[in-house]
Amino acid sequence: MSFTVRSDSANMQKVNIFIEGDLIVRDAAEIKNALVNFLQNHNQADVYLHNISRIDIAGLQLLAALKKGAVISGKTFQLFADHSIYLQNILAISGYNNLF
């Protein structure tokens, strides 16, 4: 496992989720399961990408799908990133820069 998903939750309504490391196809199912568990138990999730060393289209699609699913379920899912040069380039090339 080359990623870390952790959270801090001040209350049952909102959870802050922090993802670090790789967000790639190899780990997508594991990351999805962790995020879905948080979303099931909270009405609002703020997801922070920090120190992302690698991200691929599967990782971006996963984040987009989770965000869309949360909105359909009446929940709030916001993405925040440290916007390193690497991440900025990936978002620009992939067309996912509106995800954040």
Protein backbone atom coordinates (compact mmCIF):
# COMPACT_ATOMS: atom_id res chain seq x y z
CA MET A 1 0.00 0.00 0.00
CA SER A 2 1.54 3.28 -1.10
CA PHE A 3 -1.08 5.65 0.21
CA THR A 4 -2.51 6.85 3.51
CA VAL A 5 -6.13 7.70 4.22
CA ARG A 6 -6.89 9.17 7.62
CA SER A 7 -9.65 11.31 9.03
CA ASP A 8 -10.60 13.59 11.82
CA SER A 9 -14.21 13.91 12.69
CA ALA A 10 -15.44 16.60 15.03
CA ASN A 11 -19.03 15.39 14.78
CA MET A 12 -21.26 12.95 12.94
CA GLN A 13 -22.20 15.53 10.33
CA LYS A 14 -18.76 16.32 8.91
CA VAL A 15 -15.52 14.46 8.39
CA ASN A 16 -12.17 15.73 7.13
CA ILE A 17 -10.35 13.09 5.09
CA PHE A 18 -6.65 13.30 4.27
CA ILE A 19 -5.10 11.31 1.41
CA GLU A 20 -1.34 11.17 0.89
CA GLY A 21 0.92 9.20 -1.43
CA ASP A 22 -0.24 7.40 -4.56
CA LEU A 23 -3.77 7.59 -5.92
CA ILE A 24 -3.48 5.10 -8.77
CA VAL A 25 -5.46 2.24 -10.27
CA ARG A 26 -3.67 -0.39 -8.17
CA ASP A 27 -5.03 1.16 -4.97
CA ALA A 28 -8.35 2.54 -6.28
CA ALA A 29 -10.58 -0.16 -4.78
CA GLU A 30 -9.02 0.20 -1.33
CA ILE A 31 -9.23 3.99 -1.41
CA LYS A 32 -12.83 3.82 -2.64
CA ASN A 33 -13.83 1.51 0.23
CA ALA A 34 -12.27 3.83 2.80
CA LEU A 35 -13.97 6.93 1.36
CA VAL A 36 -17.35 5.23 0.96
CA ASN A 37 -17.24 4.20 4.63
CA PHE A 38 -16.67 7.81 5.65
CA LEU A 39 -19.47 9.03 3.37
CA GLN A 40 -21.93 6.50 4.76
CA ASN A 41 -21.44 7.87 8.26
CA HIS A 42 -21.30 11.61 7.55
CA ASN A 43 -23.32 14.14 5.58
CA GLN A 44 -20.30 16.22 4.61
CA ALA A 45 -16.82 15.13 3.62
CA ASP A 46 -13.93 17.48 2.95
CA VAL A 47 -11.17 15.54 1.21
CA TYR A 48 -7.64 16.94 1.26
CA LEU A 49 -5.00 15.65 -1.15
CA HIS A 50 -1.56 16.33 0.27
CA ASN A 51 1.87 15.13 -0.86
CA ILE A 52 0.41 13.20 -3.77
CA SER A 53 3.37 11.47 -5.37
CA ARG A 54 1.42 9.81 -8.20
CA ILE A 55 -2.12 10.07 -9.49
CA ASP A 56 -3.57 8.54 -12.64
CA ILE A 57 -6.83 8.76 -14.53
CA ALA A 58 -8.34 6.00 -12.38
CA GLY A 59 -7.65 8.05 -9.26
CA LEU A 60 -9.20 11.15 -10.80
CA GLN A 61 -12.22 9.19 -12.03
CA LEU A 62 -12.67 7.70 -8.56
CA LEU A 63 -12.73 11.15 -6.96
CA ALA A 64 -15.14 12.45 -9.61
CA ALA A 65 -17.48 9.47 -9.17
CA LEU A 66 -17.47 9.76 -5.38
CA LYS A 67 -18.22 13.48 -5.62
CA LYS A 68 -21.10 12.86 -8.06
CA GLY A 69 -22.48 10.02 -5.92
CA ALA A 70 -22.38 12.17 -2.80
CA VAL A 71 -24.27 14.99 -4.52
CA ILE A 72 -26.93 12.53 -5.76
CA SER A 73 -27.29 11.26 -2.18
CA GLY A 74 -27.74 14.80 -0.87
CA LYS A 75 -24.32 14.91 0.76
CA THR A 76 -21.50 17.40 0.42
CA PHE A 77 -18.15 16.19 -0.94
CA GLN A 78 -15.48 18.84 -1.41
CA LEU A 79 -11.97 18.30 -2.70
CA PHE A 80 -8.95 20.36 -1.71
CA ALA A 81 -5.35 19.90 -2.81
CA ASP A 82 -1.97 21.39 -2.11
CA HIS A 83 -1.69 22.02 -5.88
CA SER A 84 1.91 21.03 -6.35
CA ILE A 85 3.31 21.60 -9.83
CA TYR A 86 2.92 17.86 -10.44
CA LEU A 87 -0.78 17.87 -9.51
CA GLN A 88 -1.46 21.07 -11.44
CA ASN A 89 0.05 19.51 -14.57
CA ILE A 90 -1.93 16.28 -14.21
CA LEU A 91 -5.19 18.18 -13.71
CA ALA A 92 -4.53 20.41 -16.73
CA ILE A 93 -3.59 17.51 -19.00
CA SER A 94 -6.50 15.32 -17.91
CA GLY A 95 -9.16 18.02 -17.99
CA TYR A 96 -10.11 17.35 -14.36
CA ASN A 97 -9.05 20.79 -13.09
CA ASN A 98 -12.70 21.65 -12.37
CA LEU A 99 -12.87 18.79 -9.87
CA PHE A 100 -11.35 21.01 -7.17
